Every structure is written in structure tokens, then in C-alpha cells.
C-alpha atoms as a PDB file:
ATOM      1  CA  MET A   1      38.503  61.176 -81.910  1.00  0.00           C
ATOM      2  CA  LYS A   2      41.700  59.131 -82.070  1.00  0.00           C
ATOM      3  CA  ASN A   3      41.707  56.257 -84.552  1.00  0.00           C
ATOM      4  CA  ILE A   4      42.586  53.196 -82.474  1.00  0.00           C
ATOM      5  CA  GLN A   5      44.179  50.215 -84.178  1.00  0.00           C
ATOM      6  CA  LYS A   6      46.521  48.692 -81.607  1.00  0.00           C
ATOM      7  CA  ILE A   7      46.020  48.196 -77.861  1.00  0.00           C
ATOM      8  CA  ALA A   8      48.636  47.076 -75.350  1.00  0.00           C
ATOM      9  CA  VAL A   9      47.794  45.577 -71.961  1.00  0.00           C
ATOM     10  CA  ILE A  10      50.376  45.538 -69.180  1.00  0.00           C
ATOM     11  CA  GLY A  11      50.005  42.722 -66.685  1.00  0.00           C
ATOM     12  CA  ALA A  12      48.881  39.207 -67.626  1.00  0.00           C
ATOM     13  CA  GLY A  13      47.043  38.412 -64.427  1.00  0.00           C
ATOM     14  CA  THR A  14      43.330  37.667 -64.281  1.00  0.00           C
ATOM     15  CA  MET A  15      42.336  41.233 -65.110  1.00  0.00           C
ATOM     16  CA  GLY A  16      44.958  41.848 -67.782  1.00  0.00           C
ATOM     17  CA  ALA A  17      44.178  38.600 -69.587  1.00  0.00           C
ATOM     18  CA  GLY A  18      40.466  39.408 -69.564  1.00  0.00           C
ATOM     19  CA  ILE A  19      41.055  42.910 -70.921  1.00  0.00           C
ATOM     20  CA  ALA A  20      43.334  41.563 -73.677  1.00  0.00           C
ATOM     21  CA  GLN A  21      40.659  39.043 -74.623  1.00  0.00           C
ATOM     22  CA  MET A  22      37.995  41.761 -74.877  1.00  0.00           C
ATOM     23  CA  SER A  23      40.344  43.915 -76.955  1.00  0.00           C
ATOM     24  CA  ALA A  24      41.001  41.095 -79.428  1.00  0.00           C
ATOM     25  CA  MET A  25      37.318  40.166 -79.576  1.00  0.00           C
ATOM     26  CA  ALA A  26      36.537  43.782 -80.482  1.00  0.00           C
ATOM     27  CA  GLY A  27      38.864  43.470 -83.484  1.00  0.00           C
ATOM     28  CA  TYR A  28      41.986  45.234 -82.194  1.00  0.00           C
ATOM     29  CA  GLU A  29      45.560  44.110 -82.641  1.00  0.00           C
ATOM     30  CA  THR A  30      46.517  43.412 -79.038  1.00  0.00           C
ATOM     31  CA  ILE A  31      49.822  43.162 -77.169  1.00  0.00           C
ATOM     32  CA  LEU A  32      49.779  41.407 -73.780  1.00  0.00           C
ATOM     33  CA  PHE A  33      52.859  42.082 -71.647  1.00  0.00           C
ATOM     34  CA  ASP A  34      54.172  40.534 -68.461  1.00  0.00           C
ATOM     35  CA  ILE A  35      57.681  40.175 -67.081  1.00  0.00           C
ATOM     36  CA  LYS A  36      56.991  36.499 -66.300  1.00  0.00           C
ATOM     37  CA  ALA A  37      56.751  34.034 -69.185  1.00  0.00           C
ATOM     38  CA  GLU A  38      54.675  31.647 -67.068  1.00  0.00           C
ATOM     39  CA  ALA A  39      52.117  34.404 -66.463  1.00  0.00           C
ATOM     40  CA  LEU A  40      51.737  34.879 -70.214  1.00  0.00           C
ATOM     41  CA  ASP A  41      51.335  31.127 -70.739  1.00  0.00           C
ATOM     42  CA  LYS A  42      48.680  30.950 -68.023  1.00  0.00           C
ATOM     43  CA  ALA A  43      46.890  33.997 -69.446  1.00  0.00           C
ATOM     44  CA  MET A  44      46.680  32.499 -72.919  1.00  0.00           C
ATOM     45  CA  ALA A  45      45.468  29.177 -71.496  1.00  0.00           C
ATOM     46  CA  ASN A  46      42.694  31.038 -69.686  1.00  0.00           C
ATOM     47  CA  ILE A  47      41.776  32.992 -72.820  1.00  0.00           C
ATOM     48  CA  HIS A  48      41.524  29.719 -74.781  1.00  0.00           C
ATOM     49  CA  LYS A  49      39.307  28.310 -72.001  1.00  0.00           C
ATOM     50  CA  ASN A  50      37.101  31.421 -71.947  1.00  0.00           C
ATOM     51  CA  LEU A  51      36.647  31.334 -75.715  1.00  0.00           C
ATOM     52  CA  ASP A  52      35.801  27.623 -75.637  1.00  0.00           C
ATOM     53  CA  GLY A  53      33.142  28.464 -73.075  1.00  0.00           C
ATOM     54  CA  ALA A  54      31.813  31.235 -75.316  1.00  0.00           C
ATOM     55  CA  ILE A  55      31.544  28.748 -78.194  1.00  0.00           C
ATOM     56  CA  LYS A  56      29.575  26.313 -76.014  1.00  0.00           C
ATOM     57  CA  ARG A  57      27.200  29.123 -75.008  1.00  0.00           C
ATOM     58  CA  ASN A  58      26.778  30.117 -78.684  1.00  0.00           C
ATOM     59  CA  LYS A  59      28.286  33.553 -78.011  1.00  0.00           C
ATOM     60  CA  ILE A  60      30.863  33.154 -80.781  1.00  0.00           C
ATOM     61  CA  GLU A  61      31.376  30.773 -83.704  1.00  0.00           C
ATOM     62  CA  ILE A  62      34.115  28.115 -83.740  1.00  0.00           C
ATOM     63  CA  ASP A  63      35.956  29.935 -86.541  1.00  0.00           C
ATOM     64  CA  ASP A  64      35.995  33.146 -84.497  1.00  0.00           C
ATOM     65  CA  LYS A  65      38.308  31.676 -81.884  1.00  0.00           C
ATOM     66  CA  SER A  66      41.371  31.301 -84.105  1.00  0.00           C
ATOM     67  CA  LEU A  67      40.882  34.827 -85.444  1.00  0.00           C
ATOM     68  CA  ILE A  68      40.646  36.299 -81.943  1.00  0.00           C
ATOM     69  CA  ILE A  69      43.747  34.410 -80.769  1.00  0.00           C
ATOM     70  CA  SER A  70      45.672  35.556 -83.856  1.00  0.00           C
ATOM     71  CA  ARG A  71      45.155  39.178 -82.807  1.00  0.00           C
ATOM     72  CA  ILE A  72      46.966  38.666 -79.465  1.00  0.00           C
ATOM     73  CA  GLN A  73      50.747  38.973 -79.298  1.00  0.00           C
ATOM     74  CA  THR A  74      52.386  38.106 -75.979  1.00  0.00           C
ATOM     75  CA  THR A  75      55.713  39.598 -74.936  1.00  0.00           C
ATOM     76  CA  HIS A  76      58.006  40.116 -71.954  1.00  0.00           C
ATOM     77  CA  GLN A  77      59.954  42.824 -73.798  1.00  0.00           C
ATOM     78  CA  PHE A  78      58.926  46.272 -72.574  1.00  0.00           C
ATOM     79  CA  SER A  79      60.198  47.829 -75.812  1.00  0.00           C
ATOM     80  CA  ASP A  80      57.366  46.048 -77.671  1.00  0.00           C
ATOM     81  CA  LEU A  81      54.813  48.234 -75.882  1.00  0.00           C
ATOM     82  CA  VAL A  82      54.079  50.758 -78.611  1.00  0.00           C
ATOM     83  CA  ALA A  83      50.365  51.258 -79.258  1.00  0.00           C
ATOM     84  CA  ASP A  84      47.515  53.721 -79.660  1.00  0.00           C
ATOM     85  CA  VAL A  85      46.051  52.830 -76.264  1.00  0.00           C
ATOM     86  CA  ILE A  86      47.986  51.260 -73.400  1.00  0.00           C
ATOM     87  CA  ILE A  87      46.069  49.856 -70.430  1.00  0.00           C
ATOM     88  CA  GLU A  88      47.960  48.990 -67.264  1.00  0.00           C
ATOM     89  CA  ALA A  89      46.562  46.291 -65.000  1.00  0.00           C
ATOM     90  CA  VAL A  90      49.317  45.912 -62.408  1.00  0.00           C
ATOM     91  CA  VAL A  91      49.432  46.103 -58.603  1.00  0.00           C
ATOM     92  CA  GLU A  92      47.744  48.982 -56.769  1.00  0.00           C
ATOM     93  CA  LYS A  93      50.950  50.901 -56.084  1.00  0.00           C
ATOM     94  CA  LEU A  94      51.177  54.514 -57.243  1.00  0.00           C
ATOM     95  CA  GLY A  95      54.951  54.464 -57.704  1.00  0.00           C
ATOM     96  CA  ILE A  96      54.879  51.368 -59.883  1.00  0.00           C
ATOM     97  CA  LYS A  97      52.131  52.754 -62.121  1.00  0.00           C
ATOM     98  CA  VAL A  98      53.908  56.102 -62.519  1.00  0.00           C
ATOM     99  CA  ASP A  99      57.206  54.388 -63.356  1.00  0.00           C
ATOM    100  CA  ILE A 100      55.519  52.220 -66.005  1.00  0.00           C
ATOM    101  CA  PHE A 101      53.801  55.167 -67.662  1.00  0.00           C
ATOM    102  CA  ASN A 102      56.956  57.276 -67.668  1.00  0.00           C
ATOM    103  CA  ARG A 103      58.824  54.448 -69.391  1.00  0.00           C
ATOM    104  CA  LEU A 104      55.986  54.158 -71.886  1.00  0.00           C
ATOM    105  CA  ALA A 105      56.065  57.902 -72.539  1.00  0.00           C
ATOM    106  CA  ALA A 106      59.671  57.618 -73.651  1.00  0.00           C
ATOM    107  CA  GLN A 107      58.833  55.142 -76.431  1.00  0.00           C
ATOM    108  CA  ASN A 108      55.327  56.151 -77.531  1.00  0.00           C
ATOM    109  CA  ALA A 109      53.819  59.080 -79.411  1.00  0.00           C
ATOM    110  CA  ASP A 110      52.702  62.088 -77.367  1.00  0.00           C
ATOM    111  CA  ASN A 111      49.067  61.353 -78.244  1.00  0.00           C
ATOM    112  CA  ALA A 112      49.124  57.701 -77.147  1.00  0.00           C
ATOM    113  CA  ILE A 113      46.370  57.182 -74.584  1.00  0.00           C
ATOM    114  CA  PHE A 114      47.487  55.910 -71.181  1.00  0.00           C
ATOM    115  CA  ALA A 115      44.657  54.155 -69.333  1.00  0.00           C
ATOM    116  CA  SER A 116      44.869  52.797 -65.803  1.00  0.00           C
ATOM    117  CA  ASN A 117      42.742  49.919 -64.549  1.00  0.00           C
ATOM    118  CA  THR A 118      43.278  51.162 -60.998  1.00  0.00           C
ATOM    119  CA  SER A 119      40.502  50.400 -58.548  1.00  0.00           C
ATOM    120  CA  SER A 120      41.140  53.285 -56.194  1.00  0.00           C
ATOM    121  CA  ILE A 121      44.231  55.428 -56.912  1.00  0.00           C
ATOM    122  CA  PRO A 122      43.195  58.902 -58.124  1.00  0.00           C
ATOM    123  CA  ILE A 123      43.971  59.409 -61.806  1.00  0.00           C
ATOM    124  CA  THR A 124      45.117  62.961 -61.040  1.00  0.00           C
ATOM    125  CA  ARG A 125      47.931  61.606 -58.835  1.00  0.00           C
ATOM    126  CA  ILE A 126      49.153  59.343 -61.623  1.00  0.00           C
ATOM    127  CA  ALA A 127      48.860  61.924 -64.406  1.00  0.00           C
ATOM    128  CA  ALA A 128      50.534  64.731 -62.453  1.00  0.00           C
ATOM    129  CA  GLN A 129      53.874  62.922 -62.655  1.00  0.00           C
ATOM    130  CA  LEU A 130      53.718  62.206 -66.401  1.00  0.00           C
ATOM    131  CA  PRO A 131      54.297  64.181 -69.586  1.00  0.00           C
ATOM    132  CA  HIS A 132      51.047  65.124 -71.352  1.00  0.00           C
ATOM    133  CA  PRO A 133      48.738  64.382 -68.403  1.00  0.00           C
ATOM    134  CA  GLU A 134      45.736  65.219 -70.593  1.00  0.00           C
ATOM    135  CA  ARG A 135      46.037  61.765 -72.233  1.00  0.00           C
ATOM    136  CA  VAL A 136      45.860  59.849 -68.920  1.00  0.00           C
ATOM    137  CA  VAL A 137      42.490  58.335 -68.014  1.00  0.00           C
ATOM    138  CA  GLY A 138      41.006  55.656 -65.792  1.00  0.00           C
ATOM    139  CA  MET A 139      39.528  52.581 -67.479  1.00  0.00           C
ATOM    140  CA  HIS A 140      38.384  50.397 -64.602  1.00  0.00           C
ATOM    141  CA  PHE A 141      37.138  46.930 -65.559  1.00  0.00           C
ATOM    142  CA  PHE A 142      35.557  44.488 -63.125  1.00  0.00           C
ATOM    143  CA  ASN A 143      36.491  40.890 -62.463  1.00  0.00           C
ATOM    144  CA  PRO A 144      36.085  38.723 -64.493  1.00  0.00           C
ATOM    145  CA  ALA A 145      36.702  41.298 -67.212  1.00  0.00           C
ATOM    146  CA  HIS A 146      35.508  39.078 -70.063  1.00  0.00           C
ATOM    147  CA  ILE A 147      32.076  38.706 -68.408  1.00  0.00           C
ATOM    148  CA  MET A 148      31.348  41.747 -66.249  1.00  0.00           C
ATOM    149  CA  LYS A 149      29.682  44.475 -68.307  1.00  0.00           C
ATOM    150  CA  LEU A 150      30.597  47.578 -66.314  1.00  0.00           C
ATOM    151  CA  VAL A 151      33.602  49.801 -67.024  1.00  0.00           C
ATOM    152  CA  GLU A 152      34.233  53.034 -65.126  1.00  0.00           C
ATOM    153  CA  VAL A 153      35.866  55.768 -67.246  1.00  0.00           C
ATOM    154  CA  ILE A 154      37.520  58.206 -64.853  1.00  0.00           C
ATOM    155  CA  SER A 155      38.695  61.699 -65.738  1.00  0.00           C
ATOM    156  CA  GLY A 156      41.492  63.227 -63.703  1.00  0.00           C
ATOM    157  CA  ALA A 157      41.881  66.977 -63.258  1.00  0.00           C
ATOM    158  CA  ALA A 158      43.883  67.236 -66.486  1.00  0.00           C
ATOM    159  CA  THR A 159      42.203  64.526 -68.591  1.00  0.00           C
ATOM    160  CA  SER A 160      41.047  65.764 -71.975  1.00  0.00           C
ATOM    161  CA  PRO A 161      37.260  65.378 -72.425  1.00  0.00           C
ATOM    162  CA  GLU A 162      37.972  64.020 -75.911  1.00  0.00           C
ATOM    163  CA  ILE A 163      40.250  61.330 -74.474  1.00  0.00           C
ATOM    164  CA  ALA A 164      37.591  60.331 -71.933  1.00  0.00           C
ATOM    165  CA  LEU A 165      34.958  60.048 -74.662  1.00  0.00           C
ATOM    166  CA  THR A 166      37.337  58.041 -76.845  1.00  0.00           C
ATOM    167  CA  VAL A 167      37.915  55.550 -74.038  1.00  0.00           C
ATOM    168  CA  LYS A 168      34.178  55.380 -73.323  1.00  0.00           C
ATOM    169  CA  ALA A 169      33.574  54.542 -76.993  1.00  0.00           C
ATOM    170  CA  LEU A 170      36.368  51.945 -76.839  1.00  0.00           C
ATOM    171  CA  ALA A 171      34.760  50.257 -73.825  1.00  0.00           C
ATOM    172  CA  GLU A 172      31.424  50.203 -75.617  1.00  0.00           C
ATOM    173  CA  LYS A 173      33.025  48.629 -78.693  1.00  0.00           C
ATOM    174  CA  MET A 174      34.274  45.910 -76.342  1.00  0.00           C
ATOM    175  CA  GLY A 175      30.642  45.270 -75.459  1.00  0.00           C
ATOM    176  CA  LYS A 176      30.785  47.016 -72.091  1.00  0.00           C
ATOM    177  CA  LYS A 177      28.454  49.401 -70.300  1.00  0.00           C
ATOM    178  CA  ALA A 178      30.663  52.441 -69.748  1.00  0.00           C
ATOM    179  CA  VAL A 179      29.913  55.063 -67.097  1.00  0.00           C
ATOM    180  CA  MET A 180      31.737  58.359 -66.697  1.00  0.00           C
ATOM    181  CA  ALA A 181      33.086  59.099 -63.222  1.00  0.00           C
ATOM    182  CA  LYS A 182      34.883  61.966 -61.543  1.00  0.00           C
ATOM    183  CA  ASP A 183      38.246  61.405 -59.891  1.00  0.00           C
ATOM    184  CA  ALA A 184      37.468  60.548 -56.259  1.00  0.00           C
ATOM    185  CA  PRO A 185      38.839  57.759 -54.016  1.00  0.00           C
ATOM    186  CA  GLY A 186      37.283  54.455 -55.037  1.00  0.00           C
ATOM    187  CA  PHE A 187      35.394  56.222 -57.848  1.00  0.00           C
ATOM    188  CA  ILE A 188      31.797  54.894 -57.771  1.00  0.00           C
ATOM    189  CA  VAL A 189      31.751  51.142 -57.307  1.00  0.00           C
ATOM    190  CA  ASN A 190      34.617  50.631 -54.867  1.00  0.00           C
ATOM    191  CA  ARG A 191      33.445  53.456 -52.660  1.00  0.00           C
ATOM    192  CA  VAL A 192      29.970  51.920 -52.472  1.00  0.00           C
ATOM    193  CA  ALA A 193      31.228  48.330 -52.191  1.00  0.00           C
ATOM    194  CA  ARG A 194      34.050  48.838 -49.690  1.00  0.00           C
ATOM    195  CA  HIS A 195      31.803  48.292 -46.694  1.00  0.00           C
ATOM    196  CA  PHE A 196      30.459  45.123 -48.236  1.00  0.00           C
ATOM    197  CA  TYR A 197      33.915  43.737 -47.461  1.00  0.00           C
ATOM    198  CA  VAL A 198      34.961  45.793 -44.431  1.00  0.00           C
ATOM    199  CA  GLU A 199      31.791  45.103 -42.430  1.00  0.00           C
ATOM    200  CA  SER A 200      31.806  41.410 -43.359  1.00  0.00           C
ATOM    201  CA  LEU A 201      35.370  41.121 -42.075  1.00  0.00           C
ATOM    202  CA  GLN A 202      34.429  42.921 -38.876  1.00  0.00           C
ATOM    203  CA  ILE A 203      31.510  40.532 -38.292  1.00  0.00           C
ATOM    204  CA  LEU A 204      33.968  37.650 -38.748  1.00  0.00           C
ATOM    205  CA  GLU A 205      36.512  39.174 -36.342  1.00  0.00           C
ATOM    206  CA  GLU A 206      33.823  39.767 -33.712  1.00  0.00           C
ATOM    207  CA  GLN A 207      32.796  36.103 -34.079  1.00  0.00           C
ATOM    208  CA  VAL A 208      29.187  37.017 -34.754  1.00  0.00           C
ATOM    209  CA  ALA A 209      29.205  34.331 -37.456  1.00  0.00           C
ATOM    210  CA  ASP A 210      31.729  32.298 -39.417  1.00  0.00           C
ATOM    211  CA  LEU A 211      32.601  33.203 -42.996  1.00  0.00           C
ATOM    212  CA  ALA A 212      30.450  30.437 -44.533  1.00  0.00           C
ATOM    213  CA  ALA A 213      27.393  31.702 -42.646  1.00  0.00           C
ATOM    214  CA  ILE A 214      28.093  35.310 -43.679  1.00  0.00           C
ATOM    215  CA  ASP A 215      28.441  34.281 -47.330  1.00  0.00           C
ATOM    216  CA  ALA A 216      25.263  32.186 -47.154  1.00  0.00           C
ATOM    217  CA  LEU A 217      23.282  35.052 -45.625  1.00  0.00           C
ATOM    218  CA  VAL A 218      24.458  37.538 -48.253  1.00  0.00           C
ATOM    219  CA  LYS A 219      23.639  35.118 -51.078  1.00  0.00           C
ATOM    220  CA  ALA A 220      20.209  34.494 -49.567  1.00  0.00           C
ATOM    221  CA  SER A 221      19.693  38.267 -49.751  1.00  0.00           C
ATOM    222  CA  GLY A 222      20.052  38.181 -53.532  1.00  0.00           C
ATOM    223  CA  PHE A 223      23.790  38.500 -54.195  1.00  0.00           C
ATOM    224  CA  ARG A 224      25.377  35.963 -56.548  1.00  0.00           C
ATOM    225  CA  MET A 225      28.435  35.592 -54.311  1.00  0.00           C
ATOM    226  CA  GLY A 226      29.201  36.210 -50.671  1.00  0.00           C
ATOM    227  CA  PRO A 227      31.907  38.712 -49.652  1.00  0.00           C
ATOM    228  CA  PHE A 228      34.520  36.086 -48.812  1.00  0.00           C
ATOM    229  CA  GLN A 229      33.857  34.148 -52.010  1.00  0.00           C
ATOM    230  CA  LEU A 230      34.178  37.387 -53.967  1.00  0.00           C
ATOM    231  CA  MET A 231      37.400  38.426 -52.228  1.00  0.00           C
ATOM    232  CA  ASP A 232      38.886  35.034 -53.101  1.00  0.00           C
ATOM    233  CA  LEU A 233      37.858  35.518 -56.736  1.00  0.00           C
ATOM    234  CA  ILE A 234      39.154  39.094 -56.986  1.00  0.00           C
ATOM    235  CA  GLY A 235      42.298  38.304 -55.011  1.00  0.00           C
ATOM    236  CA  VAL A 236      42.573  38.826 -51.257  1.00  0.00           C
ATOM    237  CA  ASP A 237      45.769  40.809 -51.809  1.00  0.00           C
ATOM    238  CA  THR A 238      44.175  43.039 -54.445  1.00  0.00           C
ATOM    239  CA  ASN A 239      41.122  43.670 -52.287  1.00  0.00           C
ATOM    240  CA  PHE A 240      43.330  44.508 -49.294  1.00  0.00           C
ATOM    241  CA  SER A 241      45.423  46.940 -51.368  1.00  0.00           C
ATOM    242  CA  VAL A 242      42.289  48.774 -52.495  1.00  0.00           C
ATOM    243  CA  THR A 243      41.093  49.090 -48.893  1.00  0.00           C
ATOM    244  CA  GLN A 244      44.514  50.404 -47.823  1.00  0.00           C
ATOM    245  CA  SER A 245      44.489  52.949 -50.649  1.00  0.00           C
ATOM    246  CA  MET A 246      41.003  54.183 -49.792  1.00  0.00           C
ATOM    247  CA  PHE A 247      41.839  54.333 -46.067  1.00  0.00           C
ATOM    248  CA  GLU A 248      44.746  56.647 -46.893  1.00  0.00           C
ATOM    249  CA  SER A 249      42.772  58.679 -49.442  1.00  0.00           C
ATOM    250  CA  PHE A 250      39.991  59.339 -46.943  1.00  0.00           C
ATOM    251  CA  HIS A 251      42.555  60.602 -44.406  1.00  0.00           C
ATOM    252  CA  TYR A 252      42.398  57.423 -42.325  1.00  0.00           C
ATOM    253  CA  ALA A 253      38.671  57.553 -41.637  1.00  0.00           C
ATOM    254  CA  SER A 254      37.875  54.606 -39.358  1.00  0.00           C
ATOM    255  CA  ARG A 255      35.056  53.369 -41.593  1.00  0.00           C
ATOM    256  CA  PHE A 256      37.664  52.371 -44.213  1.00  0.00           C
ATOM    257  CA  ARG A 257      40.180  50.793 -41.807  1.00  0.00           C
ATOM    258  CA  PRO A 258      41.710  47.604 -43.285  1.00  0.00           C
ATOM    259  CA  SER A 259      41.175  44.289 -41.515  1.00  0.00           C
ATOM    260  CA  ARG A 260      43.970  42.567 -39.590  1.00  0.00           C
ATOM    261  CA  THR A 261      42.441  39.222 -40.566  1.00  0.00           C
ATOM    262  CA  GLN A 262      42.714  40.097 -44.240  1.00  0.00           C
ATOM    263  CA  GLN A 263      46.239  41.432 -43.763  1.00  0.00           C
ATOM    264  CA  GLN A 264      47.269  38.124 -42.182  1.00  0.00           C
ATOM    265  CA  LYS A 265      45.902  36.233 -45.200  1.00  0.00           C
ATOM    266  CA  VAL A 266      47.953  38.436 -47.521  1.00  0.00           C
ATOM    267  CA  GLU A 267      51.126  37.984 -45.470  1.00  0.00           C
ATOM    268  CA  ALA A 268      50.617  34.209 -45.492  1.00  0.00           C
ATOM    269  CA  GLY A 269      50.328  34.198 -49.286  1.00  0.00           C
ATOM    270  CA  HIS A 270      46.696  33.085 -49.123  1.00  0.00           C
ATOM    271  CA  HIS A 271      45.525  35.316 -51.967  1.00  0.00           C
ATOM    272  CA  GLY A 272      42.459  33.355 -53.027  1.00  0.00           C
ATOM    273  CA  ARG A 273      41.713  31.197 -56.035  1.00  0.00           C
ATOM    274  CA  LYS A 274      44.900  32.222 -57.861  1.00  0.00           C
ATOM    275  CA  THR A 275      47.088  30.730 -55.109  1.00  0.00           C
ATOM    276  CA  GLY A 276      44.823  27.790 -54.240  1.00  0.00           C
ATOM    277  CA  LYS A 277      43.926  29.164 -50.822  1.00  0.00           C
ATOM    278  CA  GLY A 278      42.302  32.297 -49.467  1.00  0.00           C
ATOM    279  CA  PHE A 279      39.408  32.444 -47.060  1.00  0.00           C
ATOM    280  CA  TYR A 280      38.500  29.071 -48.577  1.00  0.00           C
ATOM    281  CA  ASP A 281      40.753  26.194 -49.649  1.00  0.00           C
ATOM    282  CA  TYR A 282      40.809  25.442 -53.397  1.00  0.00           C
ATOM    283  CA  SER A 283      43.692  22.967 -53.382  1.00  0.00           C
ATOM    284  CA  SER A 284      41.581  19.812 -53.683  1.00  0.00           C
END
């Protein structure tokens, strides 16, 4: 298997920052890239906060924090993205992901592993437009990435079994529970969970109950968060993009139809906790 020493993460949002933190905690030299300097500053502030929390919970020692931070290099220069494994955590748009990986292919070795944190776009579609598609694999973390244990490792039609096993081992070294999945829309978790969101939104639109009541009922059933609370945490825009992608991938099956209510939130810029307002208001 490939000897991994350096990992690059593209996208310094909530997911990208969490993945970079896990990479550094696992002992890897880590590059965190974003085109916006303020996104990198916010990401590092969150990583500091997460590590302080880990110290308080006795998960790491005080001296560990400075060592972990020292392993993370932030950059807005795309040319700095040369690594053994590169994980993209950008928007759920096929064209953007393909463009990023093609640019990476031009400046990285042919055996560099390209991993996508996509929630729903088939890995085969991404890999088919890239040189050496055998080194393209899905590595789907869950939010928040520094806490949630599960990682889906997805093999596309051309993905090398050795590459998939290497990424599974990498996820496990990060302290994750890795599961192998075939390349199907939504993979395992998002296919199962999609109706958790879609049906909740439909209940809201039909005025059967308000969103607070729906969240309270779901939590009373044993879930840690209600669907609207979880969408605000994940990002209303991200959740909507995944639903759109799955709706298209399942040939517009009505059971995956996106919600107009959610679309309106996205168009208004109410993307959840990250913008201060989503289904709930976090501005106060």
C-alpha cells in the first residue's frame, strides 16, 4: 500500500477544517487550502477551539495541541497542493470537483490518491473525466468530522481495490469507523437518511406541525437532533444540494423531490448556523 506522509484538504469550511484536524491528529503533515483567507482564519480558530475542548475532556494532553497545530499549513495558493492524498471538500457540483481534480493531476504524481468527500455524486462520474481514474475514491466524512466516527469509502467502477483499502486504513488511523460502499447515488447513509429530511419538510409544508414540534417529536423518539436542527448544523444549502443530486441520480423519482421551502431558505442565504440563520435564528 502507498506510504502516506502528506495530506492536502481542499475547502476550509466546516467539513474541510474537521478533516484537516483529524489528519494532523493522526500525525500527517497537512495542507488546508481555500481561496478565501478569512475562511482559513475561521477554520484554524475552530480547530483551536476543538482541540481546547478535547483537552478539557481529557482526550488529548495540553502539549499535544501545539504539535497538532504545527502539522497544519494553510494556503490560498493552488500550486501548494502537492501531496500523497488530496481530499476535496467543496460544493456538491460535479463540474467544480472535476475541474479541481484535473488541475491537481497536472501538478501531482500519477499515483497521488484523489479522494472526494462528496455526499451523493457518483465517484465513477468524477473519475471518468480524470487521468488515472483508478486512483479516485470516495472518502465521505460526516459532520462534525472531528467527532463523528463513520467514514464511507466508496469505490467507483475504475477505483483500484488497493487504493480503496489504503483509504480505509487511512480513515482508521484517523480514529474513524470505515465502511466500504459501492458507487450508488447517496451511497449508504444519505440514501437511507434522505427521507428523514424530505418527509420532515413535507410535514412542515402541509402544516401538520411546526418545525419545533417535528424536531421535538424526533428527539423524543431517540434521535440526538431533530431534522431541522441537523439541517442547520450541516448547512441548509449543502443538504439541499445533496437532495437535488439524488433526485437527478434517481431519474427524478418523486420520493426524492427537493422541497420548495428548503430552496427558498437557500435563495435567501439562510444556510443555517454558518450564516446565523436557517430554519432557526442563531443571531442572538
